[in-house]
C-alpha atoms as a PDB file:
ATOM      1  CA  MET A   1      17.473 -24.357   0.920  1.00  0.00           C
ATOM      2  CA  SER A   2      16.203 -26.905  -1.574  1.00  0.00           C
ATOM      3  CA  ALA A   3      17.425 -27.068  -5.164  1.00  0.00           C
ATOM      4  CA  GLY A   4      16.170 -28.450  -8.414  1.00  0.00           C
ATOM      5  CA  ALA A   5      12.841 -26.658  -8.909  1.00  0.00           C
ATOM      6  CA  ALA A   6      12.461 -24.758 -12.179  1.00  0.00           C
ATOM      7  CA  LEU A   7      13.164 -21.031 -12.004  1.00  0.00           C
ATOM      8  CA  SER A   8      11.124 -18.380 -13.789  1.00  0.00           C
ATOM      9  CA  SER A   9      11.658 -14.627 -14.041  1.00  0.00           C
ATOM     10  CA  GLU A  10       9.268 -11.700 -14.233  1.00  0.00           C
ATOM     11  CA  ARG A  11       9.567  -7.925 -14.021  1.00  0.00           C
ATOM     12  CA  PHE A  12       7.165  -5.920 -11.875  1.00  0.00           C
ATOM     13  CA  SER A  13       7.030  -2.139 -12.039  1.00  0.00           C
ATOM     14  CA  LEU A  14       5.558   0.333  -9.538  1.00  0.00           C
ATOM     15  CA  LEU A  15       6.100   4.103  -9.748  1.00  0.00           C
ATOM     16  CA  ALA A  16       8.896   3.553 -12.291  1.00  0.00           C
ATOM     17  CA  VAL A  17      10.683   1.213  -9.851  1.00  0.00           C
ATOM     18  CA  SER A  18      11.315  -2.235 -11.293  1.00  0.00           C
ATOM     19  CA  LEU A  19      11.584  -5.524  -9.421  1.00  0.00           C
ATOM     20  CA  ASP A  20      13.212  -8.304 -11.437  1.00  0.00           C
ATOM     21  CA  LEU A  21      12.007 -11.389  -9.592  1.00  0.00           C
ATOM     22  CA  THR A  22      13.413 -14.861 -10.198  1.00  0.00           C
ATOM     23  CA  THR A  23      11.748 -17.663  -8.259  1.00  0.00           C
ATOM     24  CA  ASP A  24      10.985 -21.361  -8.186  1.00  0.00           C
ATOM     25  CA  ASP A  25       7.619 -20.589  -6.556  1.00  0.00           C
ATOM     26  CA  PRO A  26       5.002 -19.289  -9.051  1.00  0.00           C
ATOM     27  CA  ALA A  27       2.553 -18.773  -6.174  1.00  0.00           C
ATOM     28  CA  PHE A  28       4.847 -16.093  -4.757  1.00  0.00           C
ATOM     29  CA  ALA A  29       4.766 -14.071  -7.974  1.00  0.00           C
ATOM     30  CA  GLU A  30       0.973 -14.376  -8.039  1.00  0.00           C
ATOM     31  CA  GLU A  31       0.775 -13.258  -4.405  1.00  0.00           C
ATOM     32  CA  PHE A  32       2.800 -10.148  -5.190  1.00  0.00           C
ATOM     33  CA  ALA A  33       0.696  -9.294  -8.246  1.00  0.00           C
ATOM     34  CA  SER A  34      -2.653  -9.904  -6.511  1.00  0.00           C
ATOM     35  CA  VAL A  35      -1.839  -7.518  -3.643  1.00  0.00           C
ATOM     36  CA  PHE A  36       0.421  -4.923  -5.264  1.00  0.00           C
ATOM     37  CA  GLY A  37      -0.058  -5.196  -9.018  1.00  0.00           C
ATOM     38  CA  GLY A  38       2.959  -4.188 -11.073  1.00  0.00           C
ATOM     39  CA  ARG A  39       2.206  -6.124 -14.231  1.00  0.00           C
ATOM     40  CA  ARG A  40       0.752  -3.222 -16.213  1.00  0.00           C
ATOM     41  CA  ALA A  41       2.624  -0.666 -18.278  1.00  0.00           C
ATOM     42  CA  GLU A  42       2.813   2.728 -16.633  1.00  0.00           C
ATOM     43  CA  ASN A  43       4.183   6.148 -17.483  1.00  0.00           C
ATOM     44  CA  PHE A  44       5.199   8.540 -14.716  1.00  0.00           C
ATOM     45  CA  GLY A  45       6.986  11.060 -16.914  1.00  0.00           C
ATOM     46  CA  ASP A  46       9.632  12.795 -14.805  1.00  0.00           C
ATOM     47  CA  LEU A  47      10.273   9.963 -12.347  1.00  0.00           C
ATOM     48  CA  ALA A  48      13.767   8.598 -12.813  1.00  0.00           C
ATOM     49  CA  PRO A  49      13.756   4.822 -13.304  1.00  0.00           C
ATOM     50  CA  ALA A  50      15.130   2.710 -10.458  1.00  0.00           C
ATOM     51  CA  GLY A  51      14.993  -0.914  -9.408  1.00  0.00           C
ATOM     52  CA  PHE A  52      16.627  -4.030  -8.076  1.00  0.00           C
ATOM     53  CA  ALA A  53      16.638  -7.793  -8.558  1.00  0.00           C
ATOM     54  CA  ALA A  54      15.566 -10.532  -6.158  1.00  0.00           C
ATOM     55  CA  THR A  55      15.846 -14.311  -6.226  1.00  0.00           C
ATOM     56  CA  LEU A  56      13.520 -16.406  -4.083  1.00  0.00           C
ATOM     57  CA  HIS A  57      13.707 -20.136  -3.416  1.00  0.00           C
ATOM     58  CA  ALA A  58      10.676 -21.511  -1.588  1.00  0.00           C
ATOM     59  CA  PRO A  59      11.115 -23.722   1.491  1.00  0.00           C
ATOM     60  CA  ALA A  60      10.696 -27.418   0.744  1.00  0.00           C
ATOM     61  CA  ASN A  61      11.372 -30.821   2.305  1.00  0.00           C
ATOM     62  CA  GLY A  62      11.922 -29.296   5.726  1.00  0.00           C
ATOM     63  CA  GLU A  63      14.615 -26.904   4.510  1.00  0.00           C
ATOM     64  CA  LEU A  64      14.537 -23.123   4.849  1.00  0.00           C
ATOM     65  CA  GLY A  65      13.596 -20.890   1.963  1.00  0.00           C
ATOM     66  CA  GLU A  66      15.909 -18.103   0.878  1.00  0.00           C
ATOM     67  CA  LEU A  67      15.416 -14.626  -0.555  1.00  0.00           C
ATOM     68  CA  THR A  68      18.434 -12.752  -1.924  1.00  0.00           C
ATOM     69  CA  ILE A  69      18.298  -9.065  -2.859  1.00  0.00           C
ATOM     70  CA  ASP A  70      20.703  -7.607  -5.419  1.00  0.00           C
ATOM     71  CA  SER A  71      20.255  -3.854  -5.070  1.00  0.00           C
ATOM     72  CA  GLY A  72      23.748  -2.426  -4.768  1.00  0.00           C
ATOM     73  CA  ALA A  73      22.730  -0.769  -1.489  1.00  0.00           C
ATOM     74  CA  THR A  74      23.139  -1.915   2.082  1.00  0.00           C
ATOM     75  CA  LEU A  75      20.096  -2.060   4.332  1.00  0.00           C
ATOM     76  CA  ASP A  76      19.322  -3.306   7.816  1.00  0.00           C
ATOM     77  CA  ALA A  77      16.706  -5.655   6.442  1.00  0.00           C
ATOM     78  CA  ALA A  78      15.486  -6.913   9.823  1.00  0.00           C
ATOM     79  CA  ALA A  79      14.893  -3.360  11.094  1.00  0.00           C
ATOM     80  CA  PHE A  80      13.249  -2.475   7.795  1.00  0.00           C
ATOM     81  CA  LEU A  81      10.799  -5.364   8.016  1.00  0.00           C
ATOM     82  CA  LEU A  82      10.056  -4.627  11.673  1.00  0.00           C
ATOM     83  CA  GLY A  83       8.731  -1.279  10.495  1.00  0.00           C
ATOM     84  CA  PHE A  84       6.064  -3.205   8.633  1.00  0.00           C
ATOM     85  CA  SER A  85       4.920  -5.042  11.767  1.00  0.00           C
ATOM     86  CA  SER A  86       1.189  -4.658  12.436  1.00  0.00           C
ATOM     87  CA  PRO A  87      -1.560  -6.176  14.628  1.00  0.00           C
ATOM     88  CA  THR A  88      -2.316  -8.711  11.882  1.00  0.00           C
ATOM     89  CA  ILE A  89       1.371  -9.569  11.337  1.00  0.00           C
ATOM     90  CA  PRO A  90       3.060  -8.955  14.728  1.00  0.00           C
ATOM     91  CA  LEU A  91       6.751  -9.338  13.967  1.00  0.00           C
ATOM     92  CA  ARG A  92       9.321  -9.026  16.757  1.00  0.00           C
ATOM     93  CA  ALA A  93      13.054  -9.473  17.191  1.00  0.00           C
ATOM     94  CA  CYS A  94      14.168 -12.827  18.620  1.00  0.00           C
ATOM     95  CA  GLU A  95      17.292 -14.876  19.255  1.00  0.00           C
ATOM     96  CA  PRO A  96      19.370 -15.165  16.058  1.00  0.00           C
ATOM     97  CA  ILE A  97      19.665 -18.551  14.408  1.00  0.00           C
ATOM     98  CA  GLU A  98      23.457 -18.171  14.593  1.00  0.00           C
ATOM     99  CA  ALA A  99      26.115 -15.507  15.044  1.00  0.00           C
ATOM    100  CA  GLY A 100      26.042 -12.788  12.412  1.00  0.00           C
ATOM    101  CA  TRP A 101      22.320 -13.114  11.658  1.00  0.00           C
ATOM    102  CA  LYS A 102      19.345 -11.027  12.852  1.00  0.00           C
ATOM    103  CA  SER A 103      16.140 -12.994  13.384  1.00  0.00           C
ATOM    104  CA  LEU A 104      12.440 -12.141  13.602  1.00  0.00           C
ATOM    105  CA  ALA A 105       9.576 -14.190  15.002  1.00  0.00           C
ATOM    106  CA  ILE A 106       5.845 -13.677  14.604  1.00  0.00           C
ATOM    107  CA  GLY A 107       3.392 -13.423  17.490  1.00  0.00           C
ATOM    108  CA  ASP A 108       4.043 -15.846  20.340  1.00  0.00           C
ATOM    109  CA  ASP A 109       6.092 -18.225  18.193  1.00  0.00           C
ATOM    110  CA  SER A 110       9.438 -18.777  19.927  1.00  0.00           C
ATOM    111  CA  GLU A 111      11.201 -19.923  16.752  1.00  0.00           C
ATOM    112  CA  ALA A 112      12.671 -17.486  14.231  1.00  0.00           C
ATOM    113  CA  LEU A 113      10.526 -17.049  11.130  1.00  0.00           C
ATOM    114  CA  PHE A 114      12.899 -14.767   9.172  1.00  0.00           C
ATOM    115  CA  SER A 115      16.658 -14.467   9.578  1.00  0.00           C
ATOM    116  CA  PHE A 116      18.748 -11.810   7.815  1.00  0.00           C
ATOM    117  CA  ARG A 117      22.422 -11.410   7.077  1.00  0.00           C
ATOM    118  CA  GLY A 118      23.141  -8.566   4.696  1.00  0.00           C
ATOM    119  CA  ASP A 119      20.670  -8.837   1.840  1.00  0.00           C
ATOM    120  CA  VAL A 120      19.988 -12.549   2.361  1.00  0.00           C
ATOM    121  CA  CYS A 121      16.837 -13.703   4.151  1.00  0.00           C
ATOM    122  CA  ARG A 122      16.195 -17.291   5.222  1.00  0.00           C
ATOM    123  CA  PHE A 123      12.708 -18.254   6.325  1.00  0.00           C
ATOM    124  CA  ARG A 124      10.543 -21.109   7.537  1.00  0.00           C
ATOM    125  CA  ASP A 125       7.543 -22.582   5.751  1.00  0.00           C
ATOM    126  CA  VAL A 126       4.561 -20.998   7.520  1.00  0.00           C
ATOM    127  CA  SER A 127       1.185 -19.995   6.119  1.00  0.00           C
ATOM    128  CA  ARG A 128       1.886 -16.260   5.698  1.00  0.00           C
ATOM    129  CA  TRP A 129       5.465 -16.207   4.470  1.00  0.00           C
ATOM    130  CA  ARG A 130       4.471 -15.236   0.931  1.00  0.00           C
ATOM    131  CA  ARG A 131       2.335 -12.296   2.091  1.00  0.00           C
ATOM    132  CA  ILE A 132       5.022 -10.964   4.445  1.00  0.00           C
ATOM    133  CA  LEU A 133       7.898 -11.256   1.973  1.00  0.00           C
ATOM    134  CA  ALA A 134       5.765  -9.738  -0.810  1.00  0.00           C
ATOM    135  CA  HIS A 135       5.204  -6.751   1.503  1.00  0.00           C
ATOM    136  CA  TYR A 136       8.928  -6.634   2.192  1.00  0.00           C
ATOM    137  CA  LEU A 137       9.774  -6.395  -1.512  1.00  0.00           C
ATOM    138  CA  PHE A 138       6.992  -3.854  -2.037  1.00  0.00           C
ATOM    139  CA  LEU A 139       8.370  -1.632   0.740  1.00  0.00           C
ATOM    140  CA  ARG A 140      11.869  -1.886  -0.682  1.00  0.00           C
ATOM    141  CA  MET A 141      10.512  -0.691  -4.022  1.00  0.00           C
ATOM    142  CA  LEU A 142       8.832   2.297  -2.389  1.00  0.00           C
ATOM    143  CA  ALA A 143      12.024   3.101  -0.486  1.00  0.00           C
ATOM    144  CA  LEU A 144      13.663   3.950  -3.818  1.00  0.00           C
ATOM    145  CA  ARG A 145      11.186   6.817  -4.329  1.00  0.00           C
ATOM    146  CA  GLN A 146      12.773   9.167  -1.788  1.00  0.00           C
ATOM    147  CA  GLU A 147      11.125  12.194  -3.408  1.00  0.00           C
ATOM    148  CA  ALA A 148       7.664  10.982  -2.363  1.00  0.00           C
ATOM    149  CA  LEU A 149       5.667  10.612   0.846  1.00  0.00           C
ATOM    150  CA  PHE A 150       3.576   7.446   1.164  1.00  0.00           C
ATOM    151  CA  PHE A 151       0.427   7.274   3.257  1.00  0.00           C
ATOM    152  CA  HIS A 152      -2.018   4.566   4.278  1.00  0.00           C
ATOM    153  CA  ALA A 153      -4.762   6.478   2.489  1.00  0.00           C
ATOM    154  CA  ALA A 154      -7.011   6.570  -0.534  1.00  0.00           C
ATOM    155  CA  SER A 155      -6.578   9.225  -3.196  1.00  0.00           C
ATOM    156  CA  VAL A 156      -9.020  10.464  -5.828  1.00  0.00           C
ATOM    157  CA  GLY A 157      -9.475  13.300  -8.279  1.00  0.00           C
ATOM    158  CA  ILE A 158     -12.681  15.337  -8.363  1.00  0.00           C
ATOM    159  CA  ASP A 159     -12.980  17.969 -11.076  1.00  0.00           C
ATOM    160  CA  GLY A 160      -9.223  17.833 -11.638  1.00  0.00           C
ATOM    161  CA  ARG A 161      -8.390  18.355  -7.974  1.00  0.00           C
ATOM    162  CA  GLY A 162      -6.590  15.818  -5.822  1.00  0.00           C
ATOM    163  CA  VAL A 163      -8.194  14.648  -2.586  1.00  0.00           C
ATOM    164  CA  LEU A 164      -6.648  12.476   0.144  1.00  0.00           C
ATOM    165  CA  LEU A 165      -8.949  10.264   2.230  1.00  0.00           C
ATOM    166  CA  ILE A 166      -7.209   9.397   5.508  1.00  0.00           C
ATOM    167  CA  GLY A 167      -8.512   7.236   8.327  1.00  0.00           C
ATOM    168  CA  PRO A 168      -8.014   3.984  10.239  1.00  0.00           C
ATOM    169  CA  LYS A 169      -8.990   0.590   8.868  1.00  0.00           C
ATOM    170  CA  GLY A 170     -12.727   0.318   8.357  1.00  0.00           C
ATOM    171  CA  SER A 171     -13.293   4.080   8.162  1.00  0.00           C
ATOM    172  CA  GLY A 172     -14.405   3.997   4.519  1.00  0.00           C
ATOM    173  CA  LYS A 173     -11.328   4.781   2.399  1.00  0.00           C
ATOM    174  CA  SER A 174     -11.979   2.064  -0.191  1.00  0.00           C
ATOM    175  CA  THR A 175     -15.757   2.493   0.006  1.00  0.00           C
ATOM    176  CA  LEU A 176     -15.645   6.201  -0.836  1.00  0.00           C
ATOM    177  CA  SER A 177     -12.789   6.132  -3.354  1.00  0.00           C
ATOM    178  CA  LEU A 178     -14.408   3.308  -5.334  1.00  0.00           C
ATOM    179  CA  GLY A 179     -17.802   4.989  -4.980  1.00  0.00           C
ATOM    180  CA  LEU A 180     -16.386   8.148  -6.543  1.00  0.00           C
ATOM    181  CA  ALA A 181     -14.699   6.093  -9.268  1.00  0.00           C
ATOM    182  CA  SER A 182     -18.039   4.488 -10.102  1.00  0.00           C
ATOM    183  CA  ARG A 183     -19.381   7.993 -10.856  1.00  0.00           C
ATOM    184  CA  GLY A 184     -16.626   8.906 -13.269  1.00  0.00           C
ATOM    185  CA  HIS A 185     -14.124  10.584 -10.960  1.00  0.00           C
ATOM    186  CA  GLN A 186     -10.419   9.745 -11.060  1.00  0.00           C
ATOM    187  CA  PHE A 187      -9.416   6.773  -8.955  1.00  0.00           C
ATOM    188  CA  LEU A 188      -5.775   7.143  -7.930  1.00  0.00           C
ATOM    189  CA  GLY A 189      -5.663   4.390  -5.296  1.00  0.00           C
ATOM    190  CA  ASP A 190      -7.518   3.019  -2.289  1.00  0.00           C
ATOM    191  CA  GLU A 191      -4.734   1.793   0.037  1.00  0.00           C
ATOM    192  CA  THR A 192      -1.504   3.604  -0.731  1.00  0.00           C
ATOM    193  CA  ALA A 193      -1.409   7.313  -1.557  1.00  0.00           C
ATOM    194  CA  VAL A 194       1.673   8.955  -3.070  1.00  0.00           C
ATOM    195  CA  TYR A 195       2.405  12.666  -2.559  1.00  0.00           C
ATOM    196  CA  VAL A 196       5.405  14.517  -3.998  1.00  0.00           C
ATOM    197  CA  PRO A 197       6.222  17.567  -1.838  1.00  0.00           C
ATOM    198  CA  ALA A 198       8.308  19.294  -4.518  1.00  0.00           C
ATOM    199  CA  SER A 199       5.393  19.463  -6.970  1.00  0.00           C
ATOM    200  CA  ARG A 200       2.601  19.207  -4.364  1.00  0.00           C
ATOM    201  CA  GLN A 201       0.993  16.538  -6.509  1.00  0.00           C
ATOM    202  CA  LEU A 202      -0.686  13.204  -5.889  1.00  0.00           C
ATOM    203  CA  LEU A 203       0.557  10.417  -8.143  1.00  0.00           C
ATOM    204  CA  PRO A 204      -1.751   7.626  -9.276  1.00  0.00           C
ATOM    205  CA  PHE A 205      -0.959   4.317  -7.605  1.00  0.00           C
ATOM    206  CA  ARG A 206      -3.612   1.809  -8.573  1.00  0.00           C
ATOM    207  CA  ARG A 207      -2.839  -1.299  -6.573  1.00  0.00           C
ATOM    208  CA  PRO A 208      -5.568  -3.941  -6.765  1.00  0.00           C
ATOM    209  CA  ALA A 209      -8.361  -2.634  -4.555  1.00  0.00           C
ATOM    210  CA  GLY A 210      -8.974  -4.348  -1.225  1.00  0.00           C
ATOM    211  CA  ILE A 211     -12.709  -4.429  -0.554  1.00  0.00           C
ATOM    212  CA  LYS A 212     -13.815  -5.419   2.943  1.00  0.00           C
ATOM    213  CA  PRO A 213     -17.205  -6.809   3.965  1.00  0.00           C
ATOM    214  CA  GLY A 214     -19.581  -4.001   4.820  1.00  0.00           C
ATOM    215  CA  PRO A 215     -21.478  -1.107   3.204  1.00  0.00           C
ATOM    216  CA  ARG A 216     -20.766  -0.292  -0.445  1.00  0.00           C
ATOM    217  CA  VAL A 217     -22.186   1.947  -3.104  1.00  0.00           C
ATOM    218  CA  GLU A 218     -24.705   0.137  -5.247  1.00  0.00           C
ATOM    219  CA  ALA A 219     -22.525   0.315  -8.362  1.00  0.00           C
ATOM    220  CA  VAL A 220     -19.700  -1.522  -6.576  1.00  0.00           C
ATOM    221  CA  THR A 221     -22.098  -4.206  -5.321  1.00  0.00           C
ATOM    222  CA  ARG A 222     -23.358  -4.790  -8.868  1.00  0.00           C
ATOM    223  CA  SER A 223     -19.831  -4.920 -10.292  1.00  0.00           C
ATOM    224  CA  LEU A 224     -18.633  -7.378  -7.652  1.00  0.00           C
ATOM    225  CA  ALA A 225     -21.563  -9.674  -8.460  1.00  0.00           C
ATOM    226  CA  ARG A 226     -20.457  -9.586 -12.097  1.00  0.00           C
ATOM    227  CA  VAL A 227     -16.707 -10.043 -11.534  1.00  0.00           C
ATOM    228  CA  GLN A 228     -16.921 -12.369  -8.488  1.00  0.00           C
ATOM    229  CA  PRO A 229     -13.366 -11.914  -7.153  1.00  0.00           C
ATOM    230  CA  ARG A 230     -12.041 -14.366  -4.596  1.00  0.00           C
ATOM    231  CA  GLY A 231     -11.396 -13.297  -1.026  1.00  0.00           C
ATOM    232  CA  ASP A 232      -7.985 -13.613   0.601  1.00  0.00           C
ATOM    233  CA  GLU A 233      -7.152 -14.970   4.065  1.00  0.00           C
ATOM    234  CA  ASP A 234      -7.977 -11.609   5.641  1.00  0.00           C
ATOM    235  CA  GLY A 235     -11.474 -11.519   4.144  1.00  0.00           C
ATOM    236  CA  LEU A 236     -10.586  -8.890   1.526  1.00  0.00           C
ATOM    237  CA  LEU A 237     -11.819  -9.087  -2.036  1.00  0.00           C
ATOM    238  CA  ARG A 238      -8.817  -8.238  -4.223  1.00  0.00           C
ATOM    239  CA  VAL A 239      -9.738  -6.867  -7.636  1.00  0.00           C
ATOM    240  CA  ASP A 240      -8.401  -4.358 -10.151  1.00  0.00           C
ATOM    241  CA  ALA A 241     -10.659  -1.320 -10.052  1.00  0.00           C
ATOM    242  CA  ASP A 242     -10.780  -1.195 -13.843  1.00  0.00           C
ATOM    243  CA  ALA A 243     -12.378  -4.649 -13.786  1.00  0.00           C
ATOM    244  CA  LEU A 244     -15.258  -3.043 -11.877  1.00  0.00           C
ATOM    245  CA  PHE A 245     -15.682   0.170 -13.895  1.00  0.00           C
ATOM    246  CA  ASP A 246     -14.477   1.988 -16.988  1.00  0.00           C
ATOM    247  CA  LEU A 247     -12.032   4.172 -15.106  1.00  0.00           C
ATOM    248  CA  VAL A 248     -11.115   7.704 -16.061  1.00  0.00           C
ATOM    249  CA  PRO A 249      -7.400   7.684 -17.050  1.00  0.00           C
ATOM    250  CA  ALA A 250      -5.276   8.494 -14.012  1.00  0.00           C
ATOM    251  CA  ARG A 251      -2.737  11.317 -14.037  1.00  0.00           C
ATOM    252  CA  PRO A 252      -0.847  13.336 -11.420  1.00  0.00           C
ATOM    253  CA  LEU A 253      -3.092  15.906  -9.750  1.00  0.00           C
ATOM    254  CA  PRO A 254      -2.446  18.888  -7.496  1.00  0.00           C
ATOM    255  CA  LEU A 255      -3.406  18.029  -3.931  1.00  0.00           C
ATOM    256  CA  GLU A 256      -6.090  20.455  -2.787  1.00  0.00           C
ATOM    257  CA  SER A 257      -7.946  18.739   0.073  1.00  0.00           C
ATOM    258  CA  VAL A 258      -7.431  16.202   2.861  1.00  0.00           C
ATOM    259  CA  ILE A 259     -10.437  14.474   4.440  1.00  0.00           C
ATOM    260  CA  PHE A 260     -10.008  12.736   7.798  1.00  0.00           C
ATOM    261  CA  LEU A 261     -12.531   9.899   7.972  1.00  0.00           C
ATOM    262  CA  GLU A 262     -14.083   9.065  11.331  1.00  0.00           C
ATOM    263  CA  GLY A 263     -15.970   5.916  10.356  1.00  0.00           C
ATOM    264  CA  PHE A 264     -19.674   5.223   9.860  1.00  0.00           C
ATOM    265  CA  ALA A 265     -22.662   6.592  11.744  1.00  0.00           C
ATOM    266  CA  ASP A 266     -26.395   7.059  11.195  1.00  0.00           C
ATOM    267  CA  GLU A 267     -25.912  10.343   9.384  1.00  0.00           C
ATOM    268  CA  ALA A 268     -23.164  11.568   7.065  1.00  0.00           C
ATOM    269  CA  ARG A 269     -21.386  14.774   8.017  1.00  0.00           C
ATOM    270  CA  LEU A 270     -18.621  16.778   6.322  1.00  0.00           C
ATOM    271  CA  GLU A 271     -17.038  19.614   8.308  1.00  0.00           C
ATOM    272  CA  ARG A 272     -14.295  22.036   7.255  1.00  0.00           C
ATOM    273  CA  ILE A 273     -11.562  22.248   9.918  1.00  0.00           C
ATOM    274  CA  GLN A 274      -8.275  23.940  10.661  1.00  0.00           C
ATOM    275  CA  ALA A 275      -5.657  21.184  10.787  1.00  0.00           C
ATOM    276  CA  GLY A 276      -3.538  20.944  13.926  1.00  0.00           C
ATOM    277  CA  ARG A 277      -1.536  18.448  15.938  1.00  0.00           C
ATOM    278  CA  GLU A 278      -4.377  15.937  16.093  1.00  0.00           C
ATOM    279  CA  GLU A 279      -4.694  15.870  12.308  1.00  0.00           C
ATOM    280  CA  LEU A 280      -0.919  15.611  11.914  1.00  0.00           C
ATOM    281  CA  ALA A 281      -0.991  12.551  14.178  1.00  0.00           C
ATOM    282  CA  MET A 282      -3.703  11.032  11.962  1.00  0.00           C
ATOM    283  CA  MET A 283      -1.702  11.291   8.723  1.00  0.00           C
ATOM    284  CA  GLN A 284      -0.586   7.623   8.819  1.00  0.00           C
ATOM    285  CA  PRO A 285       2.689   7.809   6.885  1.00  0.00           C
ATOM    286  CA  MET A 286       4.010   4.416   5.866  1.00  0.00           C
ATOM    287  CA  ALA A 287       7.118   3.044   7.553  1.00  0.00           C
ATOM    288  CA  THR A 288       9.035   3.491   4.301  1.00  0.00           C
ATOM    289  CA  THR A 289       8.388   7.233   4.397  1.00  0.00           C
ATOM    290  CA  LEU A 290       9.654   7.626   7.947  1.00  0.00           C
ATOM    291  CA  SER A 291      12.724   5.434   7.470  1.00  0.00           C
ATOM    292  CA  GLY A 292      13.829   6.935   4.174  1.00  0.00           C
ATOM    293  CA  ALA A 293      14.841  10.401   5.404  1.00  0.00           C
ATOM    294  CA  PRO A 294      15.438  12.301   8.660  1.00  0.00           C
ATOM    295  CA  PRO A 295      12.136  12.112  10.596  1.00  0.00           C
ATOM    296  CA  ALA A 296      12.171  15.855  11.303  1.00  0.00           C
ATOM    297  CA  MET A 297      12.250  16.581   7.577  1.00  0.00           C
ATOM    298  CA  ARG A 298       9.323  14.249   6.920  1.00  0.00           C
ATOM    299  CA  VAL A 299       7.298  15.816   9.735  1.00  0.00           C
ATOM    300  CA  PHE A 300       8.013  19.273   8.310  1.00  0.00           C
ATOM    301  CA  GLU A 301       6.844  18.128   4.869  1.00  0.00           C
ATOM    302  CA  MET A 302       3.594  16.825   6.365  1.00  0.00           C
ATOM    303  CA  ILE A 303       3.042  20.061   8.296  1.00  0.00           C
ATOM    304  CA  ARG A 304       3.576  22.032   5.103  1.00  0.00           C
ATOM    305  CA  LEU A 305       1.184  19.715   3.272  1.00  0.00           C
ATOM    306  CA  LEU A 306      -1.602  20.307   5.803  1.00  0.00           C
ATOM    307  CA  GLY A 307      -0.966  24.040   5.761  1.00  0.00           C
ATOM    308  CA  SER A 308      -1.387  24.262   1.993  1.00  0.00           C
ATOM    309  CA  VAL A 309      -4.707  22.413   1.537  1.00  0.00           C
ATOM    310  CA  ARG A 310      -8.297  22.490   2.720  1.00  0.00           C
ATOM    311  CA  CYS A 311      -8.933  20.015   5.520  1.00  0.00           C
ATOM    312  CA  TYR A 312     -12.154  18.293   6.576  1.00  0.00           C
ATOM    313  CA  ARG A 313     -13.467  15.735   8.996  1.00  0.00           C
ATOM    314  CA  MET A 314     -16.101  13.351   7.717  1.00  0.00           C
ATOM    315  CA  THR A 315     -18.467  10.787   9.191  1.00  0.00           C
ATOM    316  CA  SER A 316     -19.905   8.399   6.616  1.00  0.00           C
ATOM    317  CA  ALA A 317     -23.366   6.849   6.486  1.00  0.00           C
ATOM    318  CA  ASN A 318     -25.151   5.357   3.465  1.00  0.00           C
ATOM    319  CA  PRO A 319     -22.260   5.113   0.952  1.00  0.00           C
ATOM    320  CA  ASP A 320     -24.179   6.489  -2.030  1.00  0.00           C
ATOM    321  CA  LYS A 321     -25.432   9.479  -0.028  1.00  0.00           C
ATOM    322  CA  THR A 322     -21.960  10.059   1.416  1.00  0.00           C
ATOM    323  CA  VAL A 323     -20.407  10.085  -2.055  1.00  0.00           C
ATOM    324  CA  SER A 324     -23.065  12.574  -3.141  1.00  0.00           C
ATOM    325  CA  ILE A 325     -22.044  14.885  -0.275  1.00  0.00           C
ATOM    326  CA  LEU A 326     -18.430  14.768  -1.442  1.00  0.00           C
ATOM    327  CA  GLU A 327     -19.459  15.508  -5.004  1.00  0.00           C
ATOM    328  CA  GLY A 328     -21.499  18.457  -3.824  1.00  0.00           C
ATOM    329  CA  GLU A 329     -18.554  19.908  -1.892  1.00  0.00           C
ATOM    330  CA  PHE A 330     -15.855  19.444  -4.524  1.00  0.00           C
ATOM    331  CA  ASN A 331     -17.786  19.431  -7.794  1.00  0.00           C
ATOM    332  CA  PRO A 332     -20.843  21.671  -7.189  1.00  0.00           C
END
């Protein structure tokens, strides 16, 4: 680990969880903010405040970088980060760098990228280290909200009623949630949805929106031409939704409907369904949700969720027409 670079500190806050980050790498703080936000004041009322501190030294001059977490809680950090592994960031366990450490490699790389011992992580200088470690800190923040379930989903409010939009990548979650926001409906989030089983409410979680190439409602296209956000290495345009529109203030909403998105076709279709095992399998809980409590309890909470709301399947077509169909169903 290199020494001598100037350190700076900044506090990020998500869902009343604070991250006090000290680093000698300003680009890392910008990476975290561009993907996850956390620089804006927020008020979540009854949520008890929580948080932890982290110090990050960037790799330099051929030496490893180092991330140290000061949370007062033990965690198998390597196993935790493996839960984040995905097709775009294929992490896997590998030979440890030395006794007492747990190491992870990425893809076909034979050399360890991250090595953990306790709450210390050492890492090599590769192109995606900032993105992966920003995700790691983000997931550790979410892990402190044990009262909530987190889903890879969009969430919106239509006529005061909470709606979850669930589907695989490219199925239209961001397209439809931002399309509804452009028409004055509540935008709660387009990538991470937060549900509290005890209150049966969706919480707003407005990370910077990730807009992929493809069909968009006309209002979003016009706003993007005005704002001109830069794309990231995955081809996403990262932009705060309130830079695109004058957003309706977000607040917790009772969850009343879940829509399972099936992608785009020539004609839009919205069909009321009775949720079953297939829909439960489509819920896409985040790794943090499944690792934070006994899996059986989390599955029960998701079953209860589906049994208490209206469920739909939807195929999208022209985004503006598809948004109009949703408005007609939930705000006639």
